[in-house]
Amino acid sequence: MKQFHLTLAILTLFLTPARDGFAQSAGVLREVYDGIAGTTIPDLTSSPAFPSSPSSVEVLPTFEAPTDVADYYGQRLSAYLLPPTTGDYNFWVASDDNSILFLSTDTTPGNKTVIASVPGWTSSREWGKYSEQASMPVSLVGGRKYYIEALMKEGSGGDNLAVRWQLPDGTIEEPIPGSRLQVFGLTPPQITQQPANVTVTEGGVATFSVQIAWAYGAAYQWQRGAANIPGATGSAYTLAPALLSDNNAQFRCLVTNGQGSTNSAYA
């Protein structure tokens, strides 16, 4: 039985929080954390899964999460807010169960402060149940971006989360529409571990895999040399059986998301 060298590409990519808007389009990033008991925000933020390991990620068209979908979960909605004009804005949050609404003084999440909250629960878009739901007037500059974030924790029963605002001219938009928001949280793929050479036995199975910390919006294309491998568009690709003609073959993976794309190095 002959043995030969075949490249096995094992890649680890990490998508880190962006410093600017998501190129995909308008909207809000929604991260969901399943299987967490309790109804308070500390129940969410003390979970080992928060914030780096959400159960699911999606982009919402407005600042409102799906209603009555599950029990015992938490969620984070985050975006860049785009005020159309300079002036004072008012915000409201509604949720079931508890929620907190944050707004930053700029695009930096670390500069966020609490501007509104729900200490108990409300029906969907019920804006006036608690005084804490409404913010004080916030002065914003038209054309600038501001980081905005809402955290919500659901126990059991109904569940909802939405945010509205009032513009300086008195217009109320509920929920805040996607035209006022840019998706927060994603960057072009970043490869932190390049492919390494491996040895396999002729007739064996070689599996090529890509691991990413945040799979939302990612697309994969495996290549042999510079040519795309038909159908190899998942996070893993298996070559079986490995033939003698595969000796010293070169493989790499092209990873793409809404912000850009990158190739791994050949091995």
Protein backbone atom coordinates (compact mmCIF):
# COMPACT_ATOMS: atom_id res chain seq x y z
CA MET A 1 0.00 0.00 0.00
CA LYS A 2 1.50 3.29 -1.08
CA GLN A 3 1.45 6.44 0.99
CA PHE A 4 1.67 9.96 -0.35
CA HIS A 5 1.21 13.57 0.70
CA LEU A 6 -2.15 15.26 0.24
CA THR A 7 -3.04 18.72 1.39
CA LEU A 8 -5.71 18.75 4.08
CA ALA A 9 -7.00 22.28 4.56
CA ILE A 10 -8.12 23.05 8.08
CA LEU A 11 -9.04 26.68 8.45
CA THR A 12 -10.25 28.70 11.40
CA LEU A 13 -11.84 32.06 10.68
CA PHE A 14 -13.10 34.59 13.20
CA LEU A 15 -15.53 37.36 12.36
CA THR A 16 -15.09 40.24 14.78
CA PRO A 17 -17.32 43.24 15.45
CA ALA A 18 -17.11 45.79 12.66
CA ARG A 19 -16.17 49.37 13.27
CA ASP A 20 -18.43 50.59 10.52
CA GLY A 21 -21.73 49.71 8.83
CA PHE A 22 -22.40 46.34 7.20
CA ALA A 23 -22.12 46.62 3.44
CA GLN A 24 -25.05 44.25 2.83
CA SER A 25 -27.77 46.89 3.34
CA ALA A 26 -30.06 48.36 5.93
CA GLY A 27 -31.34 46.41 8.90
CA VAL A 28 -30.68 45.14 12.42
CA LEU A 29 -28.48 42.25 13.50
CA ARG A 30 -30.44 39.80 15.70
CA GLU A 31 -28.54 37.30 17.87
CA VAL A 32 -30.61 34.68 19.73
CA TYR A 33 -29.44 32.70 22.76
CA ASP A 34 -31.59 29.62 23.40
CA GLY A 35 -32.06 27.51 26.53
CA ILE A 36 -31.60 30.20 29.19
CA ALA A 37 -33.94 30.24 32.20
CA GLY A 38 -35.25 33.38 33.88
CA THR A 39 -36.76 36.67 32.74
CA THR A 40 -34.11 39.27 33.64
CA ILE A 41 -31.30 40.77 31.59
CA PRO A 42 -28.64 39.45 34.03
CA ASP A 43 -29.97 35.94 33.28
CA LEU A 44 -28.92 36.58 29.68
CA THR A 45 -25.66 38.42 30.22
CA SER A 46 -24.39 35.90 32.81
CA SER A 47 -24.90 32.98 30.40
CA PRO A 48 -21.64 31.41 29.11
CA ALA A 49 -23.08 31.70 25.59
CA PHE A 50 -23.38 35.50 25.77
CA PRO A 51 -22.23 37.33 23.76
CA SER A 52 -19.91 35.21 21.59
CA SER A 53 -21.93 32.04 20.98
CA PRO A 54 -25.47 32.83 19.78
CA SER A 55 -27.72 29.91 18.83
CA SER A 56 -28.75 31.73 15.65
CA VAL A 57 -28.09 34.98 13.82
CA GLU A 58 -30.21 36.85 11.28
CA VAL A 59 -30.78 40.32 9.86
CA LEU A 60 -34.13 42.00 10.52
CA PRO A 61 -35.63 44.64 8.18
CA THR A 62 -36.80 46.88 11.08
CA PHE A 63 -36.04 47.30 14.77
CA GLU A 64 -38.54 44.65 15.81
CA ALA A 65 -37.98 40.97 16.62
CA PRO A 66 -40.39 38.15 15.73
CA THR A 67 -43.31 37.86 18.17
CA ASP A 68 -44.38 34.79 20.19
CA VAL A 69 -41.76 32.42 18.81
CA ALA A 70 -40.20 30.57 21.78
CA ASP A 71 -39.65 30.29 25.54
CA TYR A 72 -36.54 30.59 27.71
CA TYR A 73 -34.29 32.54 25.40
CA GLY A 74 -32.58 35.89 25.20
CA GLN A 75 -31.73 38.12 22.28
CA ARG A 76 -29.63 41.08 21.27
CA LEU A 77 -30.59 43.49 18.49
CA SER A 78 -27.84 45.86 17.35
CA ALA A 79 -27.38 48.35 14.53
CA TYR A 80 -25.98 51.70 13.52
CA LEU A 81 -28.64 54.38 13.81
CA LEU A 82 -28.77 57.09 11.13
CA PRO A 83 -30.65 60.22 12.30
CA PRO A 84 -31.89 62.18 9.28
CA THR A 85 -31.60 65.63 10.85
CA THR A 86 -29.99 67.33 13.83
CA GLY A 87 -32.20 67.72 16.87
CA ASP A 88 -33.78 66.00 19.86
CA TYR A 89 -35.04 62.43 19.48
CA ASN A 90 -37.19 60.37 21.84
CA PHE A 91 -37.05 56.56 22.07
CA TRP A 92 -39.36 53.86 23.42
CA VAL A 93 -38.86 50.12 23.96
CA ALA A 94 -41.57 47.46 24.39
CA SER A 95 -40.91 43.81 25.24
CA ASP A 96 -41.94 40.57 26.92
CA ASP A 97 -40.19 39.93 29.27
CA ASN A 98 -37.52 42.39 30.51
CA SER A 99 -35.48 44.54 28.14
CA ILE A 100 -32.88 47.33 28.12
CA LEU A 101 -32.28 49.84 25.31
CA PHE A 102 -28.77 51.30 24.92
CA LEU A 103 -27.52 54.16 22.76
CA SER A 104 -23.90 55.16 22.23
CA THR A 105 -22.55 58.67 21.85
CA ASP A 106 -20.93 57.50 18.59
CA THR A 107 -20.33 54.25 16.67
CA THR A 108 -18.46 52.63 19.57
CA PRO A 109 -20.42 50.02 21.58
CA GLY A 110 -18.24 50.74 24.60
CA ASN A 111 -19.73 54.23 24.85
CA LYS A 112 -23.33 53.02 25.11
CA THR A 113 -25.58 53.99 28.03
CA VAL A 114 -29.06 52.86 29.06
CA ILE A 115 -31.79 55.18 27.77
CA ALA A 116 -34.93 53.06 28.33
CA SER A 117 -36.07 49.69 29.72
CA VAL A 118 -38.98 47.36 30.44
CA PRO A 119 -38.87 46.18 34.09
CA GLY A 120 -41.71 43.66 33.67
CA TRP A 121 -43.39 42.86 30.37
CA THR A 122 -45.61 44.53 27.79
CA SER A 123 -47.76 43.45 24.90
CA SER A 124 -46.34 43.90 21.41
CA ARG A 125 -45.80 47.62 20.70
CA GLU A 126 -47.32 48.64 24.03
CA TRP A 127 -45.25 51.77 24.60
CA GLY A 128 -46.78 53.32 27.72
CA LYS A 129 -47.09 50.63 30.38
CA TYR A 130 -44.01 51.75 32.37
CA SER A 131 -42.41 55.16 32.67
CA GLU A 132 -39.00 53.53 32.12
CA GLN A 133 -39.98 52.59 28.56
CA ALA A 134 -39.53 56.15 27.32
CA SER A 135 -36.17 57.91 27.06
CA MET A 136 -35.39 61.47 27.85
CA PRO A 137 -34.83 63.63 24.73
CA VAL A 138 -31.50 62.71 23.11
CA SER A 139 -29.64 65.23 20.97
CA LEU A 140 -28.31 63.65 17.77
CA VAL A 141 -26.49 65.07 14.75
CA GLY A 142 -27.99 64.38 11.35
CA GLY A 143 -25.78 62.29 9.08
CA ARG A 144 -23.74 60.80 11.92
CA LYS A 145 -23.91 57.14 12.95
CA TYR A 146 -24.73 55.98 16.47
CA TYR A 147 -24.53 52.46 17.85
CA ILE A 148 -27.88 51.26 19.25
CA GLU A 149 -28.57 47.98 21.06
CA ALA A 150 -31.52 46.27 22.73
CA LEU A 151 -31.28 43.27 25.05
CA MET A 152 -34.34 41.18 25.90
CA LYS A 153 -34.92 38.10 28.07
CA GLU A 154 -37.92 35.80 27.67
CA GLY A 155 -39.18 33.33 30.25
CA SER A 156 -42.37 31.62 29.11
CA GLY A 157 -45.59 32.67 27.46
CA GLY A 158 -45.69 35.55 25.00
CA ASP A 159 -42.54 37.25 23.74
CA ASN A 160 -41.83 40.41 21.76
CA LEU A 161 -39.30 43.21 21.36
CA ALA A 162 -39.57 46.47 19.42
CA VAL A 163 -38.09 49.98 19.46
CA ARG A 164 -39.63 53.17 18.12
CA TRP A 165 -38.49 56.80 18.01
CA GLN A 166 -39.83 60.31 17.49
CA LEU A 167 -38.02 62.63 15.09
CA PRO A 168 -37.34 66.30 15.89
CA ASP A 169 -40.33 67.32 13.73
CA GLY A 170 -42.67 65.15 15.83
CA THR A 171 -42.95 62.23 13.40
CA ILE A 172 -43.11 58.83 15.16
CA GLU A 173 -41.70 55.79 13.38
CA GLU A 174 -42.67 52.46 14.96
CA PRO A 175 -40.69 50.36 14.84
CA ILE A 176 -37.61 52.23 13.62
CA PRO A 177 -37.48 51.37 9.89
CA GLY A 178 -34.55 49.82 8.08
CA SER A 179 -33.96 53.05 6.15
CA ARG A 180 -32.67 54.53 9.44
CA LEU A 181 -30.41 51.58 10.28
CA GLN A 182 -27.26 49.80 9.12
CA VAL A 183 -26.43 46.24 10.14
CA PHE A 184 -23.78 45.98 12.85
CA GLY A 185 -21.41 43.15 13.64
CA LEU A 186 -19.79 41.57 10.59
CA THR A 187 -16.47 42.06 8.75
CA PRO A 188 -14.82 40.38 5.75
CA PRO A 189 -13.59 36.84 6.52
CA GLN A 190 -10.34 36.75 8.48
CA ILE A 191 -8.18 33.62 8.27
CA THR A 192 -6.21 32.93 11.43
CA GLN A 193 -4.95 29.42 10.59
CA GLN A 194 -3.68 28.57 7.10
CA PRO A 195 -3.82 25.10 5.51
CA ALA A 196 -1.25 22.50 6.61
CA ASN A 197 0.18 19.54 4.66
CA VAL A 198 -0.94 16.04 5.74
CA THR A 199 -0.19 12.46 4.75
CA VAL A 200 -2.98 10.01 3.86
CA THR A 201 -3.00 6.45 2.57
CA GLU A 202 -3.93 5.77 -1.05
CA GLY A 203 -7.62 4.83 -1.17
CA GLY A 204 -8.37 6.68 2.04
CA VAL A 205 -10.67 9.61 2.74
CA ALA A 206 -9.51 13.22 3.02
CA THR A 207 -11.86 15.76 4.58
CA PHE A 208 -11.29 19.46 4.06
CA SER A 209 -13.03 21.73 6.56
CA VAL A 210 -13.43 25.40 7.37
CA GLN A 211 -14.40 26.56 10.85
CA ILE A 212 -15.70 30.05 11.42
CA ALA A 213 -16.79 31.69 14.63
CA TRP A 214 -19.77 33.39 12.97
CA ALA A 215 -21.38 31.60 10.03
CA TYR A 216 -24.04 34.18 9.23
CA GLY A 217 -23.79 35.37 5.63
CA ALA A 218 -20.76 33.20 4.77
CA ALA A 219 -20.41 31.30 1.47
CA TYR A 220 -17.70 28.77 0.67
CA GLN A 221 -16.01 27.58 -2.52
CA TRP A 222 -13.32 24.94 -2.38
CA GLN A 223 -10.67 24.99 -5.11
CA ARG A 224 -8.13 22.54 -6.42
CA GLY A 225 -5.34 24.64 -7.76
CA ALA A 226 -7.12 27.69 -9.15
CA ALA A 227 -10.20 25.76 -10.31
CA ASN A 228 -13.44 25.57 -8.39
CA ILE A 229 -14.48 22.09 -7.29
CA PRO A 230 -18.10 21.58 -8.48
CA GLY A 231 -20.52 21.24 -5.59
CA ALA A 232 -17.88 21.97 -2.94
CA THR A 233 -19.73 24.92 -1.47
CA GLY A 234 -20.17 23.86 2.16
CA SER A 235 -18.02 24.36 5.21
CA ALA A 236 -16.50 20.90 4.62
CA TYR A 237 -15.38 19.00 1.51
CA THR A 238 -14.53 15.27 1.38
CA LEU A 239 -12.26 13.69 -1.23
CA ALA A 240 -12.78 9.93 -1.44
CA PRO A 241 -11.02 7.80 -2.38
CA ALA A 242 -7.69 9.62 -2.40
CA LEU A 243 -5.75 8.45 -5.48
CA LEU A 244 -2.06 8.32 -6.30
CA SER A 245 -2.75 11.05 -8.85
CA ASP A 246 -3.74 13.32 -5.95
CA ASN A 247 -0.14 13.31 -4.68
CA ASN A 248 1.00 16.89 -4.03
CA ALA A 249 -2.33 18.32 -5.12
CA GLN A 250 -2.97 21.82 -3.82
CA PHE A 251 -6.23 22.90 -2.20
CA ARG A 252 -7.59 26.14 -0.81
CA CYS A 253 -10.93 27.66 0.16
CA LEU A 254 -12.52 30.94 -0.92
CA VAL A 255 -14.74 32.36 1.85
CA THR A 256 -17.12 35.23 1.08
CA ASN A 257 -19.65 37.30 3.02
CA GLY A 258 -21.44 40.60 2.48
CA GLN A 259 -18.32 42.58 3.41
CA GLY A 260 -15.84 40.87 1.10
CA SER A 261 -13.91 37.67 0.46
CA THR A 262 -10.54 36.05 1.07
CA ASN A 263 -8.58 33.02 -0.13
CA SER A 264 -6.62 30.75 2.14
CA ALA A 265 -2.96 30.09 1.29
CA TYR A 266 -2.21 26.98 -0.75
CA ALA A 267 -0.83 23.92 1.01
